[in-house]
Amino acid sequence: MFMRGTDAYGEDFVDLAKTLDISAGGAYLTSPRALAKAALITLTVPAPSVSNSGLVPASMAPIQARVLRQKEVGDVHLIGVQFLKPLD
């Protein structure tokens, strides 16, 4: 999923994050950059370019989230976020 926000150094960014775990209330992601605890970020789930079946929505609204924790492991950061509004 795409992650957009401001990193721990005040730089705006848009990154493709790997989702390790997701639930209705939050997610565990990998990021190439450090984020500040309590930072607000926006997550966007990319939709397939063509969906003929109607089973996959054409798009999904961006998800607002708050960073709860972060751990640096090698050259990646493991980021735990809580969604501001739980997913349906």
PDB file of N, CA and C in Angstrom:
ATOM      1  N   MET A   1       0.833  -1.155   0.000  1.00  0.00           N
ATOM      2  CA  MET A   1       0.000   0.000   0.000  1.00  0.00           C
ATOM      3  C   MET A   1       0.885   1.227   0.000  1.00  0.00           C
ATOM      4  N   PHE A   2       0.357   2.332  -0.504  1.00  0.00           N
ATOM      5  CA  PHE A   2       1.118   3.578  -0.522  1.00  0.00           C
ATOM      6  C   PHE A   2       0.937   4.297   0.802  1.00  0.00           C
ATOM      7  N   MET A   3       2.019   4.873   1.278  1.00  0.00           N
ATOM      8  CA  MET A   3       2.028   5.588   2.547  1.00  0.00           C
ATOM      9  C   MET A   3       2.516   7.011   2.264  1.00  0.00           C
ATOM     10  N   ARG A   4       1.747   7.996   2.747  1.00  0.00           N
ATOM     11  CA  ARG A   4       2.085   9.401   2.503  1.00  0.00           C
ATOM     12  C   ARG A   4       2.088  10.141   3.841  1.00  0.00           C
ATOM     13  N   GLY A   5       3.045  11.033   4.034  1.00  0.00           N
ATOM     14  CA  GLY A   5       3.082  11.810   5.262  1.00  0.00           C
ATOM     15  C   GLY A   5       4.358  12.614   5.357  1.00  0.00           C
ATOM     16  N   THR A   6       4.738  12.906   6.592  1.00  0.00           N
ATOM     17  CA  THR A   6       5.970  13.622   6.882  1.00  0.00           C
ATOM     18  C   THR A   6       6.812  12.724   7.773  1.00  0.00           C
ATOM     19  N   ASP A   7       8.077  12.501   7.399  1.00  0.00           N
ATOM     20  CA  ASP A   7       8.916  11.575   8.162  1.00  0.00           C
ATOM     21  C   ASP A   7       9.452  12.227   9.438  1.00  0.00           C
ATOM     22  N   ALA A   8      10.269  11.500  10.179  1.00  0.00           N
ATOM     23  CA  ALA A   8      10.807  11.967  11.455  1.00  0.00           C
ATOM     24  C   ALA A   8      11.728  13.175  11.302  1.00  0.00           C
ATOM     25  N   TYR A   9      12.152  13.471  10.075  1.00  0.00           N
ATOM     26  CA  TYR A   9      13.054  14.595   9.823  1.00  0.00           C
ATOM     27  C   TYR A   9      12.344  15.781   9.182  1.00  0.00           C
ATOM     28  N   GLY A  10      11.006  15.713   9.110  1.00  0.00           N
ATOM     29  CA  GLY A  10      10.220  16.816   8.567  1.00  0.00           C
ATOM     30  C   GLY A  10      10.079  16.829   7.064  1.00  0.00           C
ATOM     31  N   GLU A  11      10.505  15.751   6.398  1.00  0.00           N
ATOM     32  CA  GLU A  11      10.420  15.667   4.934  1.00  0.00           C
ATOM     33  C   GLU A  11       9.116  14.991   4.522  1.00  0.00           C
ATOM     34  N   ASP A  12       8.388  15.607   3.580  1.00  0.00           N
ATOM     35  CA  ASP A  12       7.198  14.976   3.020  1.00  0.00           C
ATOM     36  C   ASP A  12       7.622  13.808   2.152  1.00  0.00           C
ATOM     37  N   PHE A  13       6.808  12.753   2.121  1.00  0.00           N
ATOM     38  CA  PHE A  13       7.170  11.572   1.345  1.00  0.00           C
ATOM     39  C   PHE A  13       5.928  10.842   0.849  1.00  0.00           C
ATOM     40  N   VAL A  14       6.129  10.024  -0.154  1.00  0.00           N
ATOM     41  CA  VAL A  14       5.178   9.015  -0.616  1.00  0.00           C
ATOM     42  C   VAL A  14       6.009   7.771  -0.882  1.00  0.00           C
ATOM     43  N   ASP A  15       5.698   6.679  -0.175  1.00  0.00           N
ATOM     44  CA  ASP A  15       6.447   5.429  -0.319  1.00  0.00           C
ATOM     45  C   ASP A  15       5.489   4.275  -0.556  1.00  0.00           C
ATOM     46  N   LEU A  16       5.993   3.243  -1.178  1.00  0.00           N
ATOM     47  CA  LEU A  16       5.265   1.992  -1.278  1.00  0.00           C
ATOM     48  C   LEU A  16       5.686   1.151  -0.089  1.00  0.00           C
ATOM     49  N   ALA A  17       4.760   0.913   0.835  1.00  0.00           N
ATOM     50  CA  ALA A  17       5.048   0.154   2.055  1.00  0.00           C
ATOM     51  C   ALA A  17       4.573  -1.280   1.889  1.00  0.00           C
ATOM     52  N   LYS A  18       5.280  -2.205   2.489  1.00  0.00           N
ATOM     53  CA  LYS A  18       4.861  -3.602   2.492  1.00  0.00           C
ATOM     54  C   LYS A  18       3.990  -3.817   3.728  1.00  0.00           C
ATOM     55  N   THR A  19       2.829  -4.428   3.535  1.00  0.00           N
ATOM     56  CA  THR A  19       1.913  -4.702   4.638  1.00  0.00           C
ATOM     57  C   THR A  19       2.225  -6.075   5.212  1.00  0.00           C
ATOM     58  N   LEU A  20       2.593  -6.113   6.488  1.00  0.00           N
ATOM     59  CA  LEU A  20       2.892  -7.376   7.160  1.00  0.00           C
ATOM     60  C   LEU A  20       1.643  -7.957   7.829  1.00  0.00           C
ATOM     61  N   ASP A  21       0.782  -7.079   8.329  1.00  0.00           N
ATOM     62  CA  ASP A  21      -0.447  -7.503   9.004  1.00  0.00           C
ATOM     63  C   ASP A  21      -1.429  -6.346   8.932  1.00  0.00           C
ATOM     64  N   ILE A  22      -2.713  -6.679   8.813  1.00  0.00           N
ATOM     65  CA  ILE A  22      -3.739  -5.635   8.767  1.00  0.00           C
ATOM     66  C   ILE A  22      -5.001  -6.168   9.426  1.00  0.00           C
ATOM     67  N   SER A  23      -5.702  -5.283  10.111  1.00  0.00           N
ATOM     68  CA  SER A  23      -6.984  -5.624  10.729  1.00  0.00           C
ATOM     69  C   SER A  23      -7.905  -4.429  10.541  1.00  0.00           C
ATOM     70  N   ALA A  24      -9.096  -4.510  11.097  1.00  0.00           N
ATOM     71  CA  ALA A  24     -10.048  -3.400  10.980  1.00  0.00           C
ATOM     72  C   ALA A  24      -9.546  -2.155  11.703  1.00  0.00           C
ATOM     73  N   GLY A  25      -8.682  -2.330  12.706  1.00  0.00           N
ATOM     74  CA  GLY A  25      -8.257  -1.201  13.513  1.00  0.00           C
ATOM     75  C   GLY A  25      -6.878  -0.652  13.229  1.00  0.00           C
ATOM     76  N   GLY A  26      -6.059  -1.390  12.471  1.00  0.00           N
ATOM     77  CA  GLY A  26      -4.711  -0.907  12.225  1.00  0.00           C
ATOM     78  C   GLY A  26      -3.913  -1.826  11.332  1.00  0.00           C
ATOM     79  N   ALA A  27      -2.615  -1.528  11.222  1.00  0.00           N
ATOM     80  CA  ALA A  27      -1.754  -2.312  10.338  1.00  0.00           C
ATOM     81  C   ALA A  27      -0.318  -2.292  10.849  1.00  0.00           C
ATOM     82  N   TYR A  28       0.453  -3.267  10.399  1.00  0.00           N
ATOM     83  CA  TYR A  28       1.885  -3.368  10.677  1.00  0.00           C
ATOM     84  C   TYR A  28       2.565  -3.331   9.318  1.00  0.00           C
ATOM     85  N   LEU A  29       3.417  -2.342   9.098  1.00  0.00           N
ATOM     86  CA  LEU A  29       3.984  -2.060   7.789  1.00  0.00           C
ATOM     87  C   LEU A  29       5.504  -1.991   7.849  1.00  0.00           C
ATOM     88  N   THR A  30       6.140  -2.118   6.702  1.00  0.00           N
ATOM     89  CA  THR A  30       7.559  -1.807   6.592  1.00  0.00           C
ATOM     90  C   THR A  30       7.691  -0.491   5.844  1.00  0.00           C
ATOM     91  N   SER A  31       8.700   0.280   6.222  1.00  0.00           N
ATOM     92  CA  SER A  31       8.963   1.564   5.579  1.00  0.00           C
ATOM     93  C   SER A  31      10.468   1.743   5.443  1.00  0.00           C
ATOM     94  N   PRO A  32      10.924   2.381   4.376  1.00  0.00           N
ATOM     95  CA  PRO A  32      12.356   2.637   4.241  1.00  0.00           C
ATOM     96  C   PRO A  32      12.811   3.826   5.087  1.00  0.00           C
ATOM     97  N   ARG A  33      11.861   4.520   5.750  1.00  0.00           N
ATOM     98  CA  ARG A  33      12.214   5.729   6.496  1.00  0.00           C
ATOM     99  C   ARG A  33      11.642   5.721   7.897  1.00  0.00           C
ATOM    100  N   ALA A  34      12.253   6.501   8.768  1.00  0.00           N
ATOM    101  CA  ALA A  34      11.780   6.650  10.145  1.00  0.00           C
ATOM    102  C   ALA A  34      10.593   7.602  10.188  1.00  0.00           C
ATOM    103  N   LEU A  35       9.616   7.255  11.001  1.00  0.00           N
ATOM    104  CA  LEU A  35       8.458   8.118  11.217  1.00  0.00           C
ATOM    105  C   LEU A  35       8.385   8.469  12.693  1.00  0.00           C
ATOM    106  N   ALA A  36       7.878   9.640  12.997  1.00  0.00           N
ATOM    107  CA  ALA A  36       7.746  10.054  14.390  1.00  0.00           C
ATOM    108  C   ALA A  36       6.543   9.363  15.031  1.00  0.00           C
ATOM    109  N   LYS A  37       6.689   8.986  16.299  1.00  0.00           N
ATOM    110  CA  LYS A  37       5.571   8.414  17.031  1.00  0.00           C
ATOM    111  C   LYS A  37       4.460   9.456  17.084  1.00  0.00           C
ATOM    112  N   ALA A  38       3.238   9.010  16.894  1.00  0.00           N
ATOM    113  CA  ALA A  38       2.028   9.844  16.870  1.00  0.00           C
ATOM    114  C   ALA A  38       1.864  10.624  15.569  1.00  0.00           C
ATOM    115  N   ALA A  39       2.775  10.438  14.591  1.00  0.00           N
ATOM    116  CA  ALA A  39       2.629  11.116  13.298  1.00  0.00           C
ATOM    117  C   ALA A  39       1.371  10.619  12.595  1.00  0.00           C
ATOM    118  N   LEU A  40       0.720  11.515  11.871  1.00  0.00           N
ATOM    119  CA  LEU A  40      -0.432  11.140  11.060  1.00  0.00           C
ATOM    120  C   LEU A  40       0.041  10.840   9.647  1.00  0.00           C
ATOM    121  N   ILE A  41      -0.427   9.721   9.103  1.00  0.00           N
ATOM    122  CA  ILE A  41      -0.086   9.340   7.737  1.00  0.00           C
ATOM    123  C   ILE A  41      -1.359   8.953   6.996  1.00  0.00           C
ATOM    124  N   THR A  42      -1.265   8.925   5.690  1.00  0.00           N
ATOM    125  CA  THR A  42      -2.376   8.498   4.840  1.00  0.00           C
ATOM    126  C   THR A  42      -1.945   7.262   4.084  1.00  0.00           C
ATOM    127  N   LEU A  43      -2.775   6.239   4.143  1.00  0.00           N
ATOM    128  CA  LEU A  43      -2.518   4.981   3.440  1.00  0.00           C
ATOM    129  C   LEU A  43      -3.502   4.844   2.293  1.00  0.00           C
ATOM    130  N   THR A  44      -3.014   4.387   1.154  1.00  0.00           N
ATOM    131  CA  THR A  44      -3.857   4.181  -0.013  1.00  0.00           C
ATOM    132  C   THR A  44      -3.594   2.792  -0.566  1.00  0.00           C
ATOM    133  N   VAL A  45      -4.658   2.029  -0.731  1.00  0.00           N
ATOM    134  CA  VAL A  45      -4.548   0.681  -1.293  1.00  0.00           C
ATOM    135  C   VAL A  45      -4.683   0.807  -2.804  1.00  0.00           C
ATOM    136  N   PRO A  46      -3.647   0.404  -3.562  1.00  0.00           N
ATOM    137  CA  PRO A  46      -3.755   0.493  -5.017  1.00  0.00           C
ATOM    138  C   PRO A  46      -4.775  -0.514  -5.545  1.00  0.00           C
ATOM    139  N   ALA A  47      -5.556  -0.071  -6.498  1.00  0.00           N
ATOM    140  CA  ALA A  47      -6.562  -0.942  -7.120  1.00  0.00           C
ATOM    141  C   ALA A  47      -6.005  -1.487  -8.423  1.00  0.00           C
ATOM    142  N   PRO A  48      -6.450  -2.688  -8.826  1.00  0.00           N
ATOM    143  CA  PRO A  48      -6.000  -3.215 -10.122  1.00  0.00           C
ATOM    144  C   PRO A  48      -6.455  -2.296 -11.248  1.00  0.00           C
ATOM    145  N   SER A  49      -5.700  -2.274 -12.326  1.00  0.00           N
ATOM    146  CA  SER A  49      -6.024  -1.372 -13.425  1.00  0.00           C
ATOM    147  C   SER A  49      -7.310  -1.755 -14.140  1.00  0.00           C
ATOM    148  N   VAL A  50      -7.615  -3.043 -14.189  1.00  0.00           N
ATOM    149  CA  VAL A  50      -8.830  -3.493 -14.859  1.00  0.00           C
ATOM    150  C   VAL A  50      -9.516  -4.527 -13.973  1.00  0.00           C
ATOM    151  N   SER A  51     -10.804  -4.337 -13.758  1.00  0.00           N
ATOM    152  CA  SER A  51     -11.560  -5.300 -12.975  1.00  0.00           C
ATOM    153  C   SER A  51     -12.876  -5.588 -13.690  1.00  0.00           C
ATOM    154  N   ASN A  52     -12.917  -6.701 -14.382  1.00  0.00           N
ATOM    155  CA  ASN A  52     -14.122  -7.078 -15.105  1.00  0.00           C
ATOM    156  C   ASN A  52     -15.101  -7.845 -14.252  1.00  0.00           C
ATOM    157  N   SER A  53     -14.627  -8.435 -13.156  1.00  0.00           N
ATOM    158  CA  SER A  53     -15.486  -9.309 -12.363  1.00  0.00           C
ATOM    159  C   SER A  53     -16.464  -8.548 -11.485  1.00  0.00           C
ATOM    160  N   GLY A  54     -16.139  -7.306 -11.138  1.00  0.00           N
ATOM    161  CA  GLY A  54     -16.990  -6.558 -10.216  1.00  0.00           C
ATOM    162  C   GLY A  54     -16.746  -6.950  -8.770  1.00  0.00           C
ATOM    163  N   LEU A  55     -15.866  -7.919  -8.522  1.00  0.00           N
ATOM    164  CA  LEU A  55     -15.578  -8.348  -7.156  1.00  0.00           C
ATOM    165  C   LEU A  55     -14.585  -7.423  -6.465  1.00  0.00           C
ATOM    166  N   VAL A  56     -13.763  -6.750  -7.251  1.00  0.00           N
ATOM    167  CA  VAL A  56     -12.759  -5.844  -6.698  1.00  0.00           C
ATOM    168  C   VAL A  56     -13.225  -4.418  -6.958  1.00  0.00           C
ATOM    169  N   PRO A  57     -13.329  -3.587  -5.902  1.00  0.00           N
ATOM    170  CA  PRO A  57     -13.751  -2.201  -6.130  1.00  0.00           C
ATOM    171  C   PRO A  57     -12.751  -1.445  -6.989  1.00  0.00           C
ATOM    172  N   ALA A  58     -13.238  -0.485  -7.759  1.00  0.00           N
ATOM    173  CA  ALA A  58     -12.379   0.291  -8.645  1.00  0.00           C
ATOM    174  C   ALA A  58     -11.385   1.128  -7.847  1.00  0.00           C
ATOM    175  N   SER A  59     -11.787   1.570  -6.666  1.00  0.00           N
ATOM    176  CA  SER A  59     -10.879   2.340  -5.826  1.00  0.00           C
ATOM    177  C   SER A  59     -11.334   2.255  -4.380  1.00  0.00           C
ATOM    178  N   MET A  60     -10.443   2.616  -3.487  1.00  0.00           N
ATOM    179  CA  MET A  60     -10.750   2.595  -2.069  1.00  0.00           C
ATOM    180  C   MET A  60     -10.346   3.943  -1.496  1.00  0.00           C
ATOM    181  N   ALA A  61     -11.157   4.478  -0.610  1.00  0.00           N
ATOM    182  CA  ALA A  61     -10.844   5.775  -0.011  1.00  0.00           C
ATOM    183  C   ALA A  61      -9.537   5.693   0.780  1.00  0.00           C
ATOM    184  N   PRO A  62      -8.763   6.764   0.804  1.00  0.00           N
ATOM    185  CA  PRO A  62      -7.540   6.781   1.613  1.00  0.00           C
ATOM    186  C   PRO A  62      -7.859   6.527   3.087  1.00  0.00           C
ATOM    187  N   ILE A  63      -6.928   5.918   3.792  1.00  0.00           N
ATOM    188  CA  ILE A  63      -7.100   5.569   5.196  1.00  0.00           C
ATOM    189  C   ILE A  63      -6.170   6.457   6.021  1.00  0.00           C
ATOM    190  N   GLN A  64      -6.725   7.191   6.955  1.00  0.00           N
ATOM    191  CA  GLN A  64      -5.929   8.026   7.855  1.00  0.00           C
ATOM    192  C   GLN A  64      -5.478   7.165   9.029  1.00  0.00           C
ATOM    193  N   ALA A  65      -4.215   7.284   9.425  1.00  0.00           N
ATOM    194  CA  ALA A  65      -3.680   6.456  10.506  1.00  0.00           C
ATOM    195  C   ALA A  65      -2.686   7.252  11.349  1.00  0.00           C
ATOM    196  N   ARG A  66      -2.503   6.791  12.588  1.00  0.00           N
ATOM    197  CA  ARG A  66      -1.536   7.393  13.514  1.00  0.00           C
ATOM    198  C   ARG A  66      -0.470   6.353  13.844  1.00  0.00           C
ATOM    199  N   VAL A  67       0.801   6.766  13.823  1.00  0.00           N
ATOM    200  CA  VAL A  67       1.913   5.878  14.149  1.00  0.00           C
ATOM    201  C   VAL A  67       1.921   5.624  15.660  1.00  0.00           C
ATOM    202  N   LEU A  68       1.837   4.344  16.040  1.00  0.00           N
ATOM    203  CA  LEU A  68       1.870   3.973  17.455  1.00  0.00           C
ATOM    204  C   LEU A  68       3.255   3.532  17.893  1.00  0.00           C
ATOM    205  N   ARG A  69       3.947   2.842  16.996  1.00  0.00           N
ATOM    206  CA  ARG A  69       5.294   2.364  17.346  1.00  0.00           C
ATOM    207  C   ARG A  69       6.120   2.148  16.094  1.00  0.00           C
ATOM    208  N   GLN A  70       7.429   2.068  16.331  1.00  0.00           N
ATOM    209  CA  GLN A  70       8.373   1.893  15.230  1.00  0.00           C
ATOM    210  C   GLN A  70       9.613   1.185  15.749  1.00  0.00           C
ATOM    211  N   LYS A  71      10.155   0.307  14.927  1.00  0.00           N
ATOM    212  CA  LYS A  71      11.377  -0.403  15.282  1.00  0.00           C
ATOM    213  C   LYS A  71      12.247  -0.483  14.037  1.00  0.00           C
ATOM    214  N   GLU A  72      13.496  -0.101  14.163  1.00  0.00           N
ATOM    215  CA  GLU A  72      14.428  -0.183  13.041  1.00  0.00           C
ATOM    216  C   GLU A  72      15.057  -1.564  13.028  1.00  0.00           C
ATOM    217  N   VAL A  73      14.976  -2.232  11.874  1.00  0.00           N
ATOM    218  CA  VAL A  73      15.565  -3.556  11.699  1.00  0.00           C
ATOM    219  C   VAL A  73      16.360  -3.516  10.398  1.00  0.00           C
ATOM    220  N   GLY A  74      17.671  -3.435  10.532  1.00  0.00           N
ATOM    221  CA  GLY A  74      18.510  -3.318   9.337  1.00  0.00           C
ATOM    222  C   GLY A  74      18.228  -2.017   8.627  1.00  0.00           C
ATOM    223  N   ASP A  75      17.878  -2.103   7.341  1.00  0.00           N
ATOM    224  CA  ASP A  75      17.623  -0.885   6.566  1.00  0.00           C
ATOM    225  C   ASP A  75      16.138  -0.574   6.416  1.00  0.00           C
ATOM    226  N   VAL A  76      15.273  -1.231   7.195  1.00  0.00           N
ATOM    227  CA  VAL A  76      13.832  -0.931   7.153  1.00  0.00           C
ATOM    228  C   VAL A  76      13.323  -0.581   8.551  1.00  0.00           C
ATOM    229  N   HIS A  77      12.178   0.048   8.569  1.00  0.00           N
ATOM    230  CA  HIS A  77      11.515   0.400   9.825  1.00  0.00           C
ATOM    231  C   HIS A  77      10.189  -0.353   9.870  1.00  0.00           C
ATOM    232  N   LEU A  78       9.943  -1.044  10.963  1.00  0.00           N
ATOM    233  CA  LEU A  78       8.667  -1.718  11.177  1.00  0.00           C
ATOM    234  C   LEU A  78       7.756  -0.721  11.887  1.00  0.00           C
ATOM    235  N   ILE A  79       6.618  -0.437  11.286  1.00  0.00           N
ATOM    236  CA  ILE A  79       5.734   0.628  11.746  1.00  0.00           C
ATOM    237  C   ILE A  79       4.372   0.040  12.121  1.00  0.00           C
ATOM    238  N   GLY A  80       3.942   0.282  13.344  1.00  0.00           N
ATOM    239  CA  GLY A  80       2.609  -0.105  13.790  1.00  0.00           C
ATOM    240  C   GLY A  80       1.722   1.121  13.776  1.00  0.00           C
ATOM    241  N   VAL A  81       0.601   1.058  13.064  1.00  0.00           N
ATOM    242  CA  VAL A  81      -0.309   2.209  12.973  1.00  0.00           C
ATOM    243  C   VAL A  81      -1.719   1.816  13.406  1.00  0.00           C
ATOM    244  N   GLN A  82      -2.438   2.802  13.912  1.00  0.00           N
ATOM    245  CA  GLN A  82      -3.848   2.633  14.264  1.00  0.00           C
ATOM    246  C   GLN A  82      -4.654   3.511  13.332  1.00  0.00           C
ATOM    247  N   PHE A  83      -5.699   2.939  12.709  1.00  0.00           N
ATOM    248  CA  PHE A  83      -6.550   3.716  11.823  1.00  0.00           C
ATOM    249  C   PHE A  83      -7.385   4.679  12.659  1.00  0.00           C
ATOM    250  N   LEU A  84      -7.555   5.911  12.178  1.00  0.00           N
ATOM    251  CA  LEU A  84      -8.362   6.886  12.901  1.00  0.00           C
ATOM    252  C   LEU A  84      -9.833   6.480  12.887  1.00  0.00           C
ATOM    253  N   LYS A  85     -10.242   5.783  11.824  1.00  0.00           N
ATOM    254  CA  LYS A  85     -11.601   5.255  11.715  1.00  0.00           C
ATOM    255  C   LYS A  85     -11.453   3.791  11.315  1.00  0.00           C
ATOM    256  N   PRO A  86     -11.953   2.841  12.144  1.00  0.00           N
ATOM    257  CA  PRO A  86     -11.811   1.419  11.796  1.00  0.00           C
ATOM    258  C   PRO A  86     -12.420   1.110  10.420  1.00  0.00           C
ATOM    259  N   LEU A  87     -11.823   0.147   9.747  1.00  0.00           N
ATOM    260  CA  LEU A  87     -12.333  -0.281   8.434  1.00  0.00           C
ATOM    261  C   LEU A  87     -13.643  -1.026   8.617  1.00  0.00           C
ATOM    262  N   ASP A  88     -14.502  -0.909   7.629  1.00  0.00           N
ATOM    263  CA  ASP A  88     -15.789  -1.638   7.654  1.00  0.00           C
ATOM    264  C   ASP A  88     -15.591  -3.074   7.283  1.00  0.00           C
TER     265      ASP A  88
END
